[in-house]
Amino acid sequence: MRTRDQPTRERKKWVLAIESDPDHPTDKQARNSPEATGWATARERERDQLVKYRVFTKIKKSDIPENTKIVDTKWVYTIK
């Protein structure tokens, strides 16, 4: 029996393919690349838009009620 935390073989292959894709750098690759300043600017603009349109609100972790599930996010970098 497989639980949600155990990725399938197909998922592992897909993740590895994305991580090696030059058009979709990982966060670490983006931050250490020659285009790091451009990626930082893009992150700031995107974050500003998320706040402007009230997609989320920043709160202190200490203000989160106990036993609350936190939705995790990640940046996806795309060269257009």
PDB file of N, CA and C in Angstrom:
ATOM      1  N   MET A   1       0.847  -1.183   0.000  1.00  0.00           N
ATOM      2  CA  MET A   1       0.000   0.000   0.000  1.00  0.00           C
ATOM      3  C   MET A   1       0.891   1.244   0.000  1.00  0.00           C
ATOM      4  N   ARG A   2       0.579   2.179  -0.874  1.00  0.00           N
ATOM      5  CA  ARG A   2       1.371   3.392  -1.007  1.00  0.00           C
ATOM      6  C   ARG A   2       0.652   4.542  -0.314  1.00  0.00           C
ATOM      7  N   THR A   3       1.384   5.320   0.486  1.00  0.00           N
ATOM      8  CA  THR A   3       0.794   6.499   1.105  1.00  0.00           C
ATOM      9  C   THR A   3       1.075   7.708   0.238  1.00  0.00           C
ATOM     10  N   ARG A   4       0.456   8.822   0.540  1.00  0.00           N
ATOM     11  CA  ARG A   4       0.635  10.041  -0.256  1.00  0.00           C
ATOM     12  C   ARG A   4       2.067  10.549  -0.205  1.00  0.00           C
ATOM     13  N   ASP A   5       2.782  10.260   0.869  1.00  0.00           N
ATOM     14  CA  ASP A   5       4.136  10.749   1.023  1.00  0.00           C
ATOM     15  C   ASP A   5       5.155   9.978   0.189  1.00  0.00           C
ATOM     16  N   GLN A   6       4.760   8.834  -0.339  1.00  0.00           N
ATOM     17  CA  GLN A   6       5.686   8.026  -1.118  1.00  0.00           C
ATOM     18  C   GLN A   6       5.451   8.290  -2.606  1.00  0.00           C
ATOM     19  N   PRO A   7       6.398   9.002  -3.274  1.00  0.00           N
ATOM     20  CA  PRO A   7       6.195   9.275  -4.695  1.00  0.00           C
ATOM     21  C   PRO A   7       6.307   8.015  -5.535  1.00  0.00           C
ATOM     22  N   THR A   8       5.603   8.006  -6.643  1.00  0.00           N
ATOM     23  CA  THR A   8       5.684   6.880  -7.563  1.00  0.00           C
ATOM     24  C   THR A   8       6.947   7.007  -8.402  1.00  0.00           C
ATOM     25  N   ARG A   9       7.310   5.946  -9.092  1.00  0.00           N
ATOM     26  CA  ARG A   9       8.471   5.984  -9.986  1.00  0.00           C
ATOM     27  C   ARG A   9       8.314   7.092 -11.028  1.00  0.00           C
ATOM     28  N   GLU A  10       7.128   7.196 -11.609  1.00  0.00           N
ATOM     29  CA  GLU A  10       6.883   8.179 -12.649  1.00  0.00           C
ATOM     30  C   GLU A  10       7.123   9.598 -12.125  1.00  0.00           C
ATOM     31  N   ARG A  11       6.703   9.873 -10.922  1.00  0.00           N
ATOM     32  CA  ARG A  11       6.892  11.191 -10.342  1.00  0.00           C
ATOM     33  C   ARG A  11       8.378  11.490 -10.163  1.00  0.00           C
ATOM     34  N   LYS A  12       9.135  10.520  -9.699  1.00  0.00           N
ATOM     35  CA  LYS A  12      10.569  10.724  -9.514  1.00  0.00           C
ATOM     36  C   LYS A  12      11.229  11.083 -10.834  1.00  0.00           C
ATOM     37  N   LYS A  13      10.899  10.381 -11.885  1.00  0.00           N
ATOM     38  CA  LYS A  13      11.475  10.655 -13.198  1.00  0.00           C
ATOM     39  C   LYS A  13      11.093  12.062 -13.654  1.00  0.00           C
ATOM     40  N   TRP A  14       9.845  12.427 -13.454  1.00  0.00           N
ATOM     41  CA  TRP A  14       9.360  13.734 -13.883  1.00  0.00           C
ATOM     42  C   TRP A  14      10.073  14.838 -13.120  1.00  0.00           C
ATOM     43  N   VAL A  15      10.227  14.692 -11.816  1.00  0.00           N
ATOM     44  CA  VAL A  15      10.903  15.691 -10.998  1.00  0.00           C
ATOM     45  C   VAL A  15      12.340  15.857 -11.451  1.00  0.00           C
ATOM     46  N   LEU A  16      13.023  14.762 -11.689  1.00  0.00           N
ATOM     47  CA  LEU A  16      14.409  14.841 -12.141  1.00  0.00           C
ATOM     48  C   LEU A  16      14.509  15.533 -13.498  1.00  0.00           C
ATOM     49  N   ALA A  17      13.549  15.300 -14.373  1.00  0.00           N
ATOM     50  CA  ALA A  17      13.569  15.937 -15.688  1.00  0.00           C
ATOM     51  C   ALA A  17      13.381  17.450 -15.559  1.00  0.00           C
ATOM     52  N   ILE A  18      12.484  17.887 -14.711  1.00  0.00           N
ATOM     53  CA  ILE A  18      12.247  19.314 -14.521  1.00  0.00           C
ATOM     54  C   ILE A  18      13.475  19.975 -13.911  1.00  0.00           C
ATOM     55  N   GLU A  19      14.095  19.325 -12.933  1.00  0.00           N
ATOM     56  CA  GLU A  19      15.246  19.921 -12.277  1.00  0.00           C
ATOM     57  C   GLU A  19      16.420  20.097 -13.227  1.00  0.00           C
ATOM     58  N   SER A  20      16.516  19.281 -14.259  1.00  0.00           N
ATOM     59  CA  SER A  20      17.623  19.416 -15.193  1.00  0.00           C
ATOM     60  C   SER A  20      17.247  20.244 -16.416  1.00  0.00           C
ATOM     61  N   ASP A  21      16.040  20.769 -16.476  1.00  0.00           N
ATOM     62  CA  ASP A  21      15.548  21.565 -17.593  1.00  0.00           C
ATOM     63  C   ASP A  21      16.076  22.994 -17.471  1.00  0.00           C
ATOM     64  N   PRO A  22      16.865  23.490 -18.436  1.00  0.00           N
ATOM     65  CA  PRO A  22      17.417  24.841 -18.337  1.00  0.00           C
ATOM     66  C   PRO A  22      16.347  25.935 -18.383  1.00  0.00           C
ATOM     67  N   ASP A  23      15.163  25.646 -18.919  1.00  0.00           N
ATOM     68  CA  ASP A  23      14.085  26.641 -18.945  1.00  0.00           C
ATOM     69  C   ASP A  23      13.313  26.695 -17.642  1.00  0.00           C
ATOM     70  N   HIS A  24      13.560  25.758 -16.729  1.00  0.00           N
ATOM     71  CA  HIS A  24      12.887  25.716 -15.434  1.00  0.00           C
ATOM     72  C   HIS A  24      13.917  25.457 -14.330  1.00  0.00           C
ATOM     73  N   PRO A  25      14.753  26.444 -14.033  1.00  0.00           N
ATOM     74  CA  PRO A  25      15.767  26.222 -12.998  1.00  0.00           C
ATOM     75  C   PRO A  25      15.145  26.041 -11.617  1.00  0.00           C
ATOM     76  N   THR A  26      15.838  25.321 -10.757  1.00  0.00           N
ATOM     77  CA  THR A  26      15.400  25.199  -9.375  1.00  0.00           C
ATOM     78  C   THR A  26      15.624  26.540  -8.682  1.00  0.00           C
ATOM     79  N   ASP A  27      15.071  26.703  -7.498  1.00  0.00           N
ATOM     80  CA  ASP A  27      15.246  27.955  -6.754  1.00  0.00           C
ATOM     81  C   ASP A  27      16.730  28.220  -6.496  1.00  0.00           C
ATOM     82  N   LYS A  28      17.455  27.196  -6.102  1.00  0.00           N
ATOM     83  CA  LYS A  28      18.882  27.348  -5.830  1.00  0.00           C
ATOM     84  C   LYS A  28      19.633  27.758  -7.100  1.00  0.00           C
ATOM     85  N   GLN A  29      19.313  27.113  -8.222  1.00  0.00           N
ATOM     86  CA  GLN A  29      19.964  27.454  -9.480  1.00  0.00           C
ATOM     87  C   GLN A  29      19.649  28.895  -9.890  1.00  0.00           C
ATOM     88  N   ALA A  30      18.399  29.304  -9.728  1.00  0.00           N
ATOM     89  CA  ALA A  30      18.007  30.661 -10.095  1.00  0.00           C
ATOM     90  C   ALA A  30      18.729  31.701  -9.249  1.00  0.00           C
ATOM     91  N   ARG A  31      18.824  31.437  -7.950  1.00  0.00           N
ATOM     92  CA  ARG A  31      19.478  32.391  -7.050  1.00  0.00           C
ATOM     93  C   ARG A  31      20.990  32.468  -7.261  1.00  0.00           C
ATOM     94  N   ASN A  32      21.593  31.417  -7.812  1.00  0.00           N
ATOM     95  CA  ASN A  32      23.035  31.399  -8.043  1.00  0.00           C
ATOM     96  C   ASN A  32      23.425  31.626  -9.500  1.00  0.00           C
ATOM     97  N   SER A  33      22.456  31.905 -10.350  1.00  0.00           N
ATOM     98  CA  SER A  33      22.736  32.064 -11.772  1.00  0.00           C
ATOM     99  C   SER A  33      23.171  33.495 -12.100  1.00  0.00           C
ATOM    100  N   PRO A  34      23.713  33.707 -13.288  1.00  0.00           N
ATOM    101  CA  PRO A  34      24.055  35.070 -13.712  1.00  0.00           C
ATOM    102  C   PRO A  34      22.822  35.979 -13.790  1.00  0.00           C
ATOM    103  N   GLU A  35      21.639  35.370 -13.922  1.00  0.00           N
ATOM    104  CA  GLU A  35      20.388  36.137 -13.987  1.00  0.00           C
ATOM    105  C   GLU A  35      19.722  36.288 -12.621  1.00  0.00           C
ATOM    106  N   ALA A  36      20.467  36.085 -11.543  1.00  0.00           N
ATOM    107  CA  ALA A  36      19.900  36.115 -10.186  1.00  0.00           C
ATOM    108  C   ALA A  36      19.169  37.419  -9.889  1.00  0.00           C
ATOM    109  N   THR A  37      19.710  38.539 -10.335  1.00  0.00           N
ATOM    110  CA  THR A  37      19.062  39.832 -10.088  1.00  0.00           C
ATOM    111  C   THR A  37      17.705  39.901 -10.780  1.00  0.00           C
ATOM    112  N   GLY A  38      17.642  39.395 -12.008  1.00  0.00           N
ATOM    113  CA  GLY A  38      16.370  39.372 -12.740  1.00  0.00           C
ATOM    114  C   GLY A  38      15.342  38.476 -12.078  1.00  0.00           C
ATOM    115  N   TRP A  39      15.794  37.304 -11.596  1.00  0.00           N
ATOM    116  CA  TRP A  39      14.884  36.391 -10.894  1.00  0.00           C
ATOM    117  C   TRP A  39      14.381  37.046  -9.607  1.00  0.00           C
ATOM    118  N   ALA A  40      15.260  37.753  -8.892  1.00  0.00           N
ATOM    119  CA  ALA A  40      14.854  38.408  -7.644  1.00  0.00           C
ATOM    120  C   ALA A  40      13.799  39.470  -7.928  1.00  0.00           C
ATOM    121  N   THR A  41      13.993  40.235  -8.986  1.00  0.00           N
ATOM    122  CA  THR A  41      13.019  41.261  -9.371  1.00  0.00           C
ATOM    123  C   THR A  41      11.675  40.616  -9.715  1.00  0.00           C
ATOM    124  N   ALA A  42      11.722  39.522 -10.464  1.00  0.00           N
ATOM    125  CA  ALA A  42      10.489  38.822 -10.839  1.00  0.00           C
ATOM    126  C   ALA A  42       9.764  38.288  -9.609  1.00  0.00           C
ATOM    127  N   ARG A  43      10.524  37.741  -8.635  1.00  0.00           N
ATOM    128  CA  ARG A  43       9.902  37.242  -7.389  1.00  0.00           C
ATOM    129  C   ARG A  43       9.224  38.379  -6.643  1.00  0.00           C
ATOM    130  N   GLU A  44       9.907  39.536  -6.538  1.00  0.00           N
ATOM    131  CA  GLU A  44       9.329  40.683  -5.831  1.00  0.00           C
ATOM    132  C   GLU A  44       8.054  41.170  -6.506  1.00  0.00           C
ATOM    133  N   ARG A  45       8.067  41.261  -7.827  1.00  0.00           N
ATOM    134  CA  ARG A  45       6.864  41.695  -8.559  1.00  0.00           C
ATOM    135  C   ARG A  45       5.707  40.722  -8.345  1.00  0.00           C
ATOM    136  N   GLU A  46       6.008  39.443  -8.434  1.00  0.00           N
ATOM    137  CA  GLU A  46       4.968  38.432  -8.242  1.00  0.00           C
ATOM    138  C   GLU A  46       4.411  38.487  -6.825  1.00  0.00           C
ATOM    139  N   ARG A  47       5.281  38.612  -5.848  1.00  0.00           N
ATOM    140  CA  ARG A  47       4.848  38.702  -4.449  1.00  0.00           C
ATOM    141  C   ARG A  47       3.972  39.937  -4.250  1.00  0.00           C
ATOM    142  N   ASP A  48       4.364  41.080  -4.833  1.00  0.00           N
ATOM    143  CA  ASP A  48       3.576  42.303  -4.731  1.00  0.00           C
ATOM    144  C   ASP A  48       2.178  42.119  -5.317  1.00  0.00           C
ATOM    145  N   GLN A  49       2.087  41.398  -6.445  1.00  0.00           N
ATOM    146  CA  GLN A  49       0.778  41.146  -7.061  1.00  0.00           C
ATOM    147  C   GLN A  49      -0.080  40.236  -6.180  1.00  0.00           C
ATOM    148  N   LEU A  50       0.537  39.241  -5.575  1.00  0.00           N
ATOM    149  CA  LEU A  50      -0.212  38.341  -4.690  1.00  0.00           C
ATOM    150  C   LEU A  50      -0.776  39.096  -3.487  1.00  0.00           C
ATOM    151  N   VAL A  51       0.005  40.024  -2.948  1.00  0.00           N
ATOM    152  CA  VAL A  51      -0.458  40.833  -1.816  1.00  0.00           C
ATOM    153  C   VAL A  51      -1.534  41.816  -2.282  1.00  0.00           C
ATOM    154  N   LYS A  52      -1.296  42.488  -3.417  1.00  0.00           N
ATOM    155  CA  LYS A  52      -2.242  43.475  -3.954  1.00  0.00           C
ATOM    156  C   LYS A  52      -3.635  42.872  -4.162  1.00  0.00           C
ATOM    157  N   TYR A  53      -3.679  41.667  -4.715  1.00  0.00           N
ATOM    158  CA  TYR A  53      -4.962  41.030  -5.000  1.00  0.00           C
ATOM    159  C   TYR A  53      -5.437  40.118  -3.873  1.00  0.00           C
ATOM    160  N   ARG A  54      -4.796  40.266  -2.712  1.00  0.00           N
ATOM    161  CA  ARG A  54      -5.191  39.559  -1.497  1.00  0.00           C
ATOM    162  C   ARG A  54      -5.281  38.049  -1.675  1.00  0.00           C
ATOM    163  N   VAL A  55      -4.319  37.497  -2.404  1.00  0.00           N
ATOM    164  CA  VAL A  55      -4.248  36.051  -2.577  1.00  0.00           C
ATOM    165  C   VAL A  55      -3.887  35.405  -1.243  1.00  0.00           C
ATOM    166  N   PHE A  56      -3.059  36.099  -0.482  1.00  0.00           N
ATOM    167  CA  PHE A  56      -2.712  35.640   0.851  1.00  0.00           C
ATOM    168  C   PHE A  56      -2.379  36.846   1.706  1.00  0.00           C
ATOM    169  N   THR A  57      -2.313  36.627   2.985  1.00  0.00           N
ATOM    170  CA  THR A  57      -1.936  37.661   3.939  1.00  0.00           C
ATOM    171  C   THR A  57      -0.794  37.127   4.781  1.00  0.00           C
ATOM    172  N   LYS A  58       0.222  37.933   4.966  1.00  0.00           N
ATOM    173  CA  LYS A  58       1.339  37.512   5.806  1.00  0.00           C
ATOM    174  C   LYS A  58       0.912  37.566   7.267  1.00  0.00           C
ATOM    175  N   ILE A  59       1.226  36.499   7.986  1.00  0.00           N
ATOM    176  CA  ILE A  59       0.981  36.461   9.421  1.00  0.00           C
ATOM    177  C   ILE A  59       2.177  35.818  10.102  1.00  0.00           C
ATOM    178  N   LYS A  60       2.291  36.075  11.383  1.00  0.00           N
ATOM    179  CA  LYS A  60       3.370  35.456  12.150  1.00  0.00           C
ATOM    180  C   LYS A  60       3.030  34.001  12.398  1.00  0.00           C
ATOM    181  N   LYS A  61       4.030  33.164  12.363  1.00  0.00           N
ATOM    182  CA  LYS A  61       3.807  31.733  12.605  1.00  0.00           C
ATOM    183  C   LYS A  61       3.220  31.504  13.992  1.00  0.00           C
ATOM    184  N   SER A  62       3.590  32.360  14.933  1.00  0.00           N
ATOM    185  CA  SER A  62       3.079  32.216  16.299  1.00  0.00           C
ATOM    186  C   SER A  62       1.578  32.523  16.390  1.00  0.00           C
ATOM    187  N   ASP A  63       1.018  33.212  15.388  1.00  0.00           N
ATOM    188  CA  ASP A  63      -0.414  33.538  15.379  1.00  0.00           C
ATOM    189  C   ASP A  63      -1.284  32.438  14.761  1.00  0.00           C
ATOM    190  N   ILE A  64      -0.650  31.395  14.233  1.00  0.00           N
ATOM    191  CA  ILE A  64      -1.399  30.307  13.605  1.00  0.00           C
ATOM    192  C   ILE A  64      -1.926  29.380  14.694  1.00  0.00           C
ATOM    193  N   PRO A  65      -3.238  29.122  14.688  1.00  0.00           N
ATOM    194  CA  PRO A  65      -3.803  28.229  15.706  1.00  0.00           C
ATOM    195  C   PRO A  65      -3.166  26.842  15.647  1.00  0.00           C
ATOM    196  N   GLU A  66      -3.069  26.207  16.802  1.00  0.00           N
ATOM    197  CA  GLU A  66      -2.510  24.863  16.882  1.00  0.00           C
ATOM    198  C   GLU A  66      -3.351  23.906  16.051  1.00  0.00           C
ATOM    199  N   ASN A  67      -2.713  22.892  15.471  1.00  0.00           N
ATOM    200  CA  ASN A  67      -3.356  21.869  14.636  1.00  0.00           C
ATOM    201  C   ASN A  67      -3.907  22.421  13.324  1.00  0.00           C
ATOM    202  N   THR A  68      -3.416  23.568  12.878  1.00  0.00           N
ATOM    203  CA  THR A  68      -3.817  24.131  11.596  1.00  0.00           C
ATOM    204  C   THR A  68      -2.868  23.625  10.524  1.00  0.00           C
ATOM    205  N   LYS A  69      -3.411  23.187   9.395  1.00  0.00           N
ATOM    206  CA  LYS A  69      -2.574  22.732   8.293  1.00  0.00           C
ATOM    207  C   LYS A  69      -2.123  23.955   7.497  1.00  0.00           C
ATOM    208  N   ILE A  70      -0.833  23.996   7.229  1.00  0.00           N
ATOM    209  CA  ILE A  70      -0.253  25.095   6.473  1.00  0.00           C
ATOM    210  C   ILE A  70      -0.047  24.631   5.039  1.00  0.00           C
ATOM    211  N   VAL A  71      -0.492  25.440   4.079  1.00  0.00           N
ATOM    212  CA  VAL A  71      -0.325  25.112   2.670  1.00  0.00           C
ATOM    213  C   VAL A  71       1.073  25.538   2.245  1.00  0.00           C
ATOM    214  N   ASP A  72       1.840  24.605   1.734  1.00  0.00           N
ATOM    215  CA  ASP A  72       3.201  24.878   1.306  1.00  0.00           C
ATOM    216  C   ASP A  72       3.186  25.393  -0.133  1.00  0.00           C
ATOM    217  N   THR A  73       4.121  26.252  -0.465  1.00  0.00           N
ATOM    218  CA  THR A  73       4.231  26.780  -1.822  1.00  0.00           C
ATOM    219  C   THR A  73       5.676  26.681  -2.289  1.00  0.00           C
ATOM    220  N   LYS A  74       5.880  26.875  -3.567  1.00  0.00           N
ATOM    221  CA  LYS A  74       7.237  26.935  -4.099  1.00  0.00           C
ATOM    222  C   LYS A  74       7.235  27.809  -5.337  1.00  0.00           C
ATOM    223  N   TRP A  75       8.369  28.383  -5.638  1.00  0.00           N
ATOM    224  CA  TRP A  75       8.514  29.197  -6.839  1.00  0.00           C
ATOM    225  C   TRP A  75       8.804  28.281  -8.017  1.00  0.00           C
ATOM    226  N   VAL A  76       8.179  28.578  -9.147  1.00  0.00           N
ATOM    227  CA  VAL A  76       8.465  27.867 -10.395  1.00  0.00           C
ATOM    228  C   VAL A  76       9.004  28.915 -11.361  1.00  0.00           C
ATOM    229  N   TYR A  77      10.230  28.726 -11.779  1.00  0.00           N
ATOM    230  CA  TYR A  77      10.904  29.688 -12.651  1.00  0.00           C
ATOM    231  C   TYR A  77      10.782  29.234 -14.104  1.00  0.00           C
ATOM    232  N   THR A  78      10.370  30.151 -14.980  1.00  0.00           N
ATOM    233  CA  THR A  78      10.229  29.856 -16.390  1.00  0.00           C
ATOM    234  C   THR A  78      10.863  30.954 -17.212  1.00  0.00           C
ATOM    235  N   ILE A  79      11.692  30.581 -18.141  1.00  0.00           N
ATOM    236  CA  ILE A  79      12.280  31.547 -19.074  1.00  0.00           C
ATOM    237  C   ILE A  79      11.345  31.620 -20.271  1.00  0.00           C
ATOM    238  N   LYS A  80      10.858  32.822 -20.543  1.00  0.00           N
ATOM    239  CA  LYS A  80       9.915  32.996 -21.672  1.00  0.00           C
ATOM    240  C   LYS A  80      10.598  33.685 -22.825  1.00  0.00           C
TER     241      LYS A  80
END
